Amino acid sequence: MKGLGYKFLLQMTRLCGPWLLVVFSRIVAAGYFLFSSRVSESRRFYAALYPERGRLYHLWCTFRQYQNFTTIHLDRFLASQTETTTFTSQGWEKIEPVIGREGGILLMSHLGNWEMAAKLLRRQQDDLRLLLYMGIKEKEGVEHVQKEDLQRAGVTIIGVDQEGGSPFAAVDGIRFLQSGGIVSMPGDIVWRSDQRKVRVRFLGHDAYVPEAPYIFALLSRAPLFVFFTLRTGKNSYRFIVSDPIAITPQSRQDRPRAIAQAAQQYADLLEKMLREHPFEWYHFDRFLQ
């Protein structure tokens, strides 16, 4: 949806009530389910998650995935109004000691609502300095509104062009960490074909995850955490922070092995959480090879 069209829908929702956004977004999601070429990829994904079930079940899972995705728009709207987002945290005490000191890296995923994760982190600690790396698409509509909303919430955003990243984007991230900030990076999406990536095993298949977060951790010596924000009800969430993932190469030559081991730890945590929340997987491009 175009940015202006989305803003108009939000304005009408303010006048008519959240039901309008719910109905409209569910109709749009049903349209994508019926006509999008990406549906076959979701069916393939759920076939790997539930190999013992038949194709109709995988199709039903895909339908639920598309419909579930609409809750992101509803909760974003509710959070922008007077209604307060409620949340619980698990593992926040693991991050607190690094804030304002060596900083930390959060690996976020397309499992759950990472946008709400950024806002809730700011709610958890008002003085938290949070930098978020996001991909820039050629034509942004809803995504542009999303970025504006995050910036108003006090989140610093570095846009990474999907046609080619700037080396200054990496330098800014390292400096942010060194000043004690928290840097959030996507752990499960490779933006460009020339991007450095790591192969992991996921649901019995090969998958590729970006190498950048692990390089950042090595260069900055900042701890690396896996972070999930999962929906527990309307405008209600639970965020979970893992123990820090250690990357300890014995030598420069040992770095690829250490990075691969850390990436597999992330993939294992992601798979475990996916099995508990299968319909909050909002990665619609190919992930399993």
Protein backbone atom coordinates (compact mmCIF):
# COMPACT_ATOMS: atom_id res chain seq x y z
CA MET A 1 0.00 0.00 0.00
CA LYS A 2 1.22 3.51 -0.82
CA GLY A 3 2.21 5.74 2.06
CA LEU A 4 -0.52 8.32 1.41
CA GLY A 5 -3.16 5.60 1.11
CA TYR A 6 -2.05 4.07 4.39
CA LYS A 7 -2.14 7.42 6.16
CA PHE A 8 -5.65 8.04 4.80
CA LEU A 9 -6.74 4.63 6.13
CA LEU A 10 -5.34 5.52 9.56
CA GLN A 11 -7.17 8.84 9.51
CA MET A 12 -10.46 7.11 8.67
CA THR A 13 -9.77 4.57 11.43
CA ARG A 14 -9.46 7.43 13.94
CA LEU A 15 -12.89 8.61 12.85
CA CYS A 16 -14.64 5.22 12.58
CA GLY A 17 -12.78 3.08 15.10
CA PRO A 18 -10.21 0.23 14.99
CA TRP A 19 -12.73 -2.17 13.42
CA LEU A 20 -12.20 -0.43 10.06
CA LEU A 21 -8.47 -1.12 10.10
CA VAL A 22 -9.08 -4.73 11.17
CA VAL A 23 -11.59 -5.42 8.40
CA PHE A 24 -9.61 -3.65 5.69
CA SER A 25 -6.26 -5.24 6.57
CA ARG A 26 -7.78 -8.72 6.78
CA ILE A 27 -9.34 -8.31 3.33
CA VAL A 28 -5.99 -7.15 1.94
CA ALA A 29 -4.23 -10.11 3.61
CA ALA A 30 -6.80 -12.49 2.08
CA GLY A 31 -6.08 -10.94 -1.32
CA TYR A 32 -2.36 -11.52 -0.90
CA PHE A 33 -3.07 -15.10 0.18
CA LEU A 34 -5.10 -15.73 -2.96
CA PHE A 35 -2.89 -13.99 -5.50
CA SER A 36 0.64 -13.48 -4.17
CA SER A 37 3.45 -15.58 -5.63
CA ARG A 38 5.00 -15.72 -2.15
CA VAL A 39 2.27 -18.02 -0.85
CA SER A 40 4.07 -21.03 -2.31
CA GLU A 41 7.15 -20.13 -0.26
CA SER A 42 5.13 -20.02 2.95
CA ARG A 43 3.54 -23.37 2.13
CA ARG A 44 7.00 -24.80 1.57
CA PHE A 45 8.14 -23.37 4.90
CA TYR A 46 5.24 -24.89 6.84
CA ALA A 47 5.80 -28.20 5.07
CA ALA A 48 9.27 -28.21 6.60
CA LEU A 49 7.87 -27.23 10.01
CA TYR A 50 5.11 -29.87 9.87
CA PRO A 51 6.40 -32.63 7.57
CA GLU A 52 3.92 -35.14 8.99
CA ARG A 53 0.90 -33.04 7.93
CA GLY A 54 -0.68 -32.74 4.49
CA ARG A 55 -0.72 -29.92 1.94
CA LEU A 56 -4.12 -28.60 3.02
CA TYR A 57 -2.81 -28.12 6.56
CA HIS A 58 0.23 -26.26 5.22
CA LEU A 59 -2.10 -24.04 3.20
CA TRP A 60 -4.21 -23.35 6.29
CA CYS A 61 -1.04 -22.43 8.22
CA THR A 62 -0.14 -20.00 5.45
CA PHE A 63 -3.60 -18.40 5.64
CA ARG A 64 -3.21 -17.97 9.41
CA GLN A 65 0.25 -16.49 8.90
CA TYR A 66 -1.10 -13.85 6.47
CA GLN A 67 -4.05 -13.02 8.71
CA ASN A 68 -1.89 -12.86 11.81
CA PHE A 69 0.36 -10.32 10.11
CA THR A 70 -2.50 -7.81 10.19
CA THR A 71 -2.21 -7.56 13.99
CA ILE A 72 1.01 -5.58 13.50
CA HIS A 73 -0.97 -2.76 11.88
CA LEU A 74 -3.72 -2.89 14.49
CA ASP A 75 -1.30 -2.75 17.42
CA ARG A 76 0.72 0.02 15.79
CA PHE A 77 -2.46 2.07 15.52
CA LEU A 78 -3.58 1.31 19.08
CA ALA A 79 -0.14 2.23 20.42
CA SER A 80 -0.31 5.57 18.60
CA GLN A 81 -3.60 6.41 20.32
CA THR A 82 -4.36 6.68 24.00
CA GLU A 83 -4.37 2.91 24.51
CA THR A 84 -1.13 1.79 26.18
CA THR A 85 0.73 -1.30 25.01
CA THR A 86 1.12 -3.77 27.87
CA PHE A 87 4.12 -6.07 28.06
CA THR A 88 6.17 -8.35 30.22
CA SER A 89 9.89 -8.89 29.97
CA GLN A 90 12.05 -11.95 30.40
CA GLY A 91 15.82 -11.60 30.61
CA TRP A 92 16.04 -7.79 30.68
CA GLU A 93 18.51 -8.02 33.54
CA LYS A 94 21.02 -9.50 31.06
CA ILE A 95 21.08 -6.28 29.03
CA GLU A 96 21.05 -3.73 31.86
CA PRO A 97 24.75 -4.10 32.84
CA VAL A 98 26.00 -3.24 29.30
CA ILE A 99 23.89 -0.10 28.77
CA GLY A 100 26.13 2.97 28.87
CA ARG A 101 29.23 0.79 29.09
CA GLU A 102 30.36 -1.58 26.33
CA GLY A 103 26.96 -1.55 24.62
CA GLY A 104 25.24 -4.59 23.18
CA ILE A 105 23.97 -6.08 19.93
CA LEU A 106 20.43 -7.41 19.64
CA LEU A 107 19.66 -10.00 16.99
CA MET A 108 16.04 -9.46 16.02
CA SER A 109 14.05 -11.76 13.77
CA HIS A 110 10.97 -11.77 11.59
CA LEU A 111 9.36 -13.94 14.24
CA GLY A 112 7.05 -11.69 16.22
CA ASN A 113 6.86 -7.93 16.03
CA TRP A 114 10.35 -6.42 15.91
CA GLU A 115 8.92 -2.92 15.41
CA MET A 116 7.06 -3.17 18.71
CA ALA A 117 10.25 -4.62 20.22
CA ALA A 118 12.11 -1.37 19.52
CA LYS A 119 9.35 0.72 21.13
CA LEU A 120 9.07 -1.52 24.18
CA LEU A 121 12.81 -1.39 24.75
CA ARG A 122 12.54 2.39 24.91
CA ARG A 123 9.60 2.03 27.31
CA GLN A 124 11.60 -0.34 29.49
CA GLN A 125 14.34 2.26 29.96
CA ASP A 126 13.74 5.88 28.96
CA ASP A 127 17.41 6.80 28.60
CA LEU A 128 18.19 3.77 26.41
CA ARG A 129 19.99 4.75 23.21
CA LEU A 130 18.82 2.37 20.51
CA LEU A 131 20.02 2.16 16.92
CA LEU A 132 18.12 0.04 14.43
CA TYR A 133 19.45 -1.15 11.07
CA MET A 134 16.69 -1.38 8.45
CA GLY A 135 16.70 -2.18 4.76
CA ILE A 136 15.62 0.52 2.31
CA LYS A 137 13.30 -0.56 -0.48
CA GLU A 138 13.10 1.28 -3.80
CA LYS A 139 9.43 2.18 -3.27
CA GLU A 140 8.40 2.39 0.35
CA GLY A 141 4.82 2.89 1.45
CA VAL A 142 3.85 1.42 4.79
CA GLU A 143 7.55 0.94 5.58
CA HIS A 144 8.16 4.69 5.36
CA VAL A 145 5.34 5.36 7.85
CA GLN A 146 6.85 2.63 10.05
CA LYS A 147 10.28 4.33 10.07
CA GLU A 148 8.75 7.71 10.90
CA ASP A 149 6.85 6.16 13.80
CA LEU A 150 10.02 4.58 15.22
CA GLN A 151 11.99 7.80 14.93
CA ARG A 152 9.27 9.66 16.84
CA ALA A 153 9.66 7.01 19.56
CA GLY A 154 13.33 8.01 19.92
CA VAL A 155 14.89 5.16 17.91
CA THR A 156 17.88 6.01 15.70
CA ILE A 157 17.57 4.36 12.28
CA ILE A 158 20.29 3.62 9.75
CA GLY A 159 18.85 2.71 6.37
CA VAL A 160 20.83 0.13 4.40
CA ASP A 161 20.31 0.31 0.65
CA GLN A 162 19.45 -3.11 -0.72
CA GLU A 163 21.42 -2.29 -3.86
CA GLY A 164 24.62 -1.61 -1.95
CA GLY A 165 25.51 -0.67 1.59
CA SER A 166 27.71 2.24 2.66
CA PRO A 167 30.82 1.47 4.76
CA PHE A 168 29.95 4.52 6.89
CA ALA A 169 26.80 2.71 8.08
CA ALA A 170 29.03 0.09 9.73
CA VAL A 171 31.34 2.73 11.24
CA ASP A 172 28.38 4.56 12.75
CA GLY A 173 27.14 1.34 14.30
CA ILE A 174 30.52 0.53 15.88
CA ARG A 175 30.80 4.06 17.30
CA PHE A 176 27.27 3.78 18.70
CA LEU A 177 28.24 0.57 20.48
CA GLN A 178 31.46 2.06 21.82
CA SER A 179 29.45 4.91 23.35
CA GLY A 180 27.35 2.39 25.29
CA GLY A 181 24.33 2.21 22.98
CA ILE A 182 22.33 -0.82 21.92
CA VAL A 183 22.40 -1.76 18.24
CA SER A 184 19.65 -3.91 16.75
CA MET A 185 20.36 -5.91 13.60
CA PRO A 186 18.23 -8.38 11.65
CA GLY A 187 19.46 -11.90 12.20
CA ASP A 188 17.40 -13.80 9.64
CA ILE A 189 17.35 -11.83 6.40
CA VAL A 190 20.06 -11.37 3.76
CA TRP A 191 19.34 -8.15 1.88
CA ARG A 192 21.71 -8.46 -1.08
CA SER A 193 23.11 -11.29 -3.20
CA ASP A 194 26.68 -10.03 -2.56
CA GLN A 195 26.18 -9.77 1.20
CA ARG A 196 28.41 -11.94 3.37
CA LYS A 197 26.40 -14.71 4.95
CA VAL A 198 26.70 -17.83 7.10
CA ARG A 199 25.10 -21.20 6.40
CA VAL A 200 23.10 -22.77 9.24
CA ARG A 201 20.78 -25.75 9.64
CA PHE A 202 17.15 -24.83 10.22
CA LEU A 203 14.15 -27.21 10.18
CA GLY A 204 16.34 -29.83 8.57
CA HIS A 205 17.34 -27.53 5.69
CA ASP A 206 20.21 -25.22 4.91
CA ALA A 207 19.51 -21.54 5.46
CA TYR A 208 21.64 -18.42 5.25
CA VAL A 209 21.87 -15.66 7.84
CA PRO A 210 23.86 -12.41 7.62
CA GLU A 211 27.40 -12.45 8.95
CA ALA A 212 27.43 -8.74 9.87
CA PRO A 213 26.09 -9.02 13.46
CA TYR A 214 28.83 -11.48 14.39
CA ILE A 215 31.52 -9.31 12.78
CA PHE A 216 30.18 -6.36 14.75
CA ALA A 217 30.43 -8.36 17.95
CA LEU A 218 34.03 -9.35 17.18
CA LEU A 219 35.16 -5.84 16.28
CA SER A 220 33.40 -4.04 19.11
CA ARG A 221 33.69 -6.83 21.73
CA ALA A 222 30.08 -6.03 22.64
CA PRO A 223 27.91 -8.96 23.79
CA LEU A 224 25.43 -10.42 21.32
CA PHE A 225 21.88 -11.21 22.47
CA VAL A 226 18.95 -12.83 20.68
CA PHE A 227 15.76 -10.83 21.19
CA PHE A 228 12.14 -11.84 20.52
CA THR A 229 8.91 -9.89 20.99
CA LEU A 230 5.83 -12.13 20.82
CA ARG A 231 2.17 -11.20 20.95
CA THR A 232 0.15 -12.41 23.93
CA GLY A 233 -3.10 -10.58 23.10
CA LYS A 234 -4.46 -7.37 21.60
CA ASN A 235 -1.73 -4.75 21.96
CA SER A 236 -0.06 -6.99 24.54
CA TYR A 237 3.44 -8.49 24.24
CA ARG A 238 6.16 -10.45 25.96
CA PHE A 239 9.79 -9.82 25.08
CA ILE A 240 12.51 -12.37 25.68
CA VAL A 241 16.26 -11.81 25.87
CA SER A 242 18.63 -14.77 25.52
CA ASP A 243 21.91 -15.30 27.29
CA PRO A 244 24.74 -13.62 25.37
CA ILE A 245 26.14 -15.71 22.53
CA ALA A 246 29.90 -16.03 22.86
CA ILE A 247 32.14 -15.65 19.81
CA THR A 248 35.61 -16.75 20.88
CA PRO A 249 37.96 -17.55 18.00
CA GLN A 250 41.37 -18.89 18.98
CA SER A 251 43.02 -16.99 16.14
CA ARG A 252 42.18 -14.89 13.09
CA GLN A 253 42.04 -18.09 11.04
CA ASP A 254 39.55 -19.52 13.52
CA ARG A 255 37.03 -16.69 13.05
CA PRO A 256 34.88 -18.43 10.39
CA ARG A 257 34.39 -21.45 12.67
CA ALA A 258 33.53 -19.28 15.70
CA ILE A 259 31.08 -17.20 13.67
CA ALA A 260 29.44 -20.30 12.20
CA GLN A 261 29.02 -21.77 15.68
CA ALA A 262 27.44 -18.56 16.98
CA ALA A 263 25.13 -18.32 13.96
CA GLN A 264 23.97 -21.89 14.56
CA GLN A 265 23.19 -21.03 18.19
CA TYR A 266 20.98 -18.22 16.92
CA ALA A 267 19.29 -20.53 14.40
CA ASP A 268 18.59 -23.11 17.11
CA LEU A 269 16.99 -20.46 19.36
CA LEU A 270 14.95 -19.17 16.44
CA GLU A 271 13.71 -22.67 15.56
CA LYS A 272 12.77 -23.38 19.17
CA MET A 273 10.76 -20.15 19.42
CA LEU A 274 9.18 -20.75 16.01
CA ARG A 275 7.81 -24.11 17.12
CA GLU A 276 6.15 -22.37 20.07
CA HIS A 277 4.77 -19.49 17.95
CA PRO A 278 4.44 -20.86 14.39
CA PHE A 279 2.00 -18.25 13.07
CA GLU A 280 4.07 -15.23 14.06
CA TRP A 281 6.63 -15.99 11.35
CA TYR A 282 6.55 -12.89 9.11
CA HIS A 283 9.44 -13.72 6.79
CA PHE A 284 7.69 -14.04 3.43
CA ASP A 285 10.76 -14.45 1.21
CA ARG A 286 12.73 -17.65 0.75
CA PHE A 287 14.60 -18.62 3.89
CA LEU A 288 15.03 -22.38 3.58
CA GLN A 289 17.31 -23.42 0.74
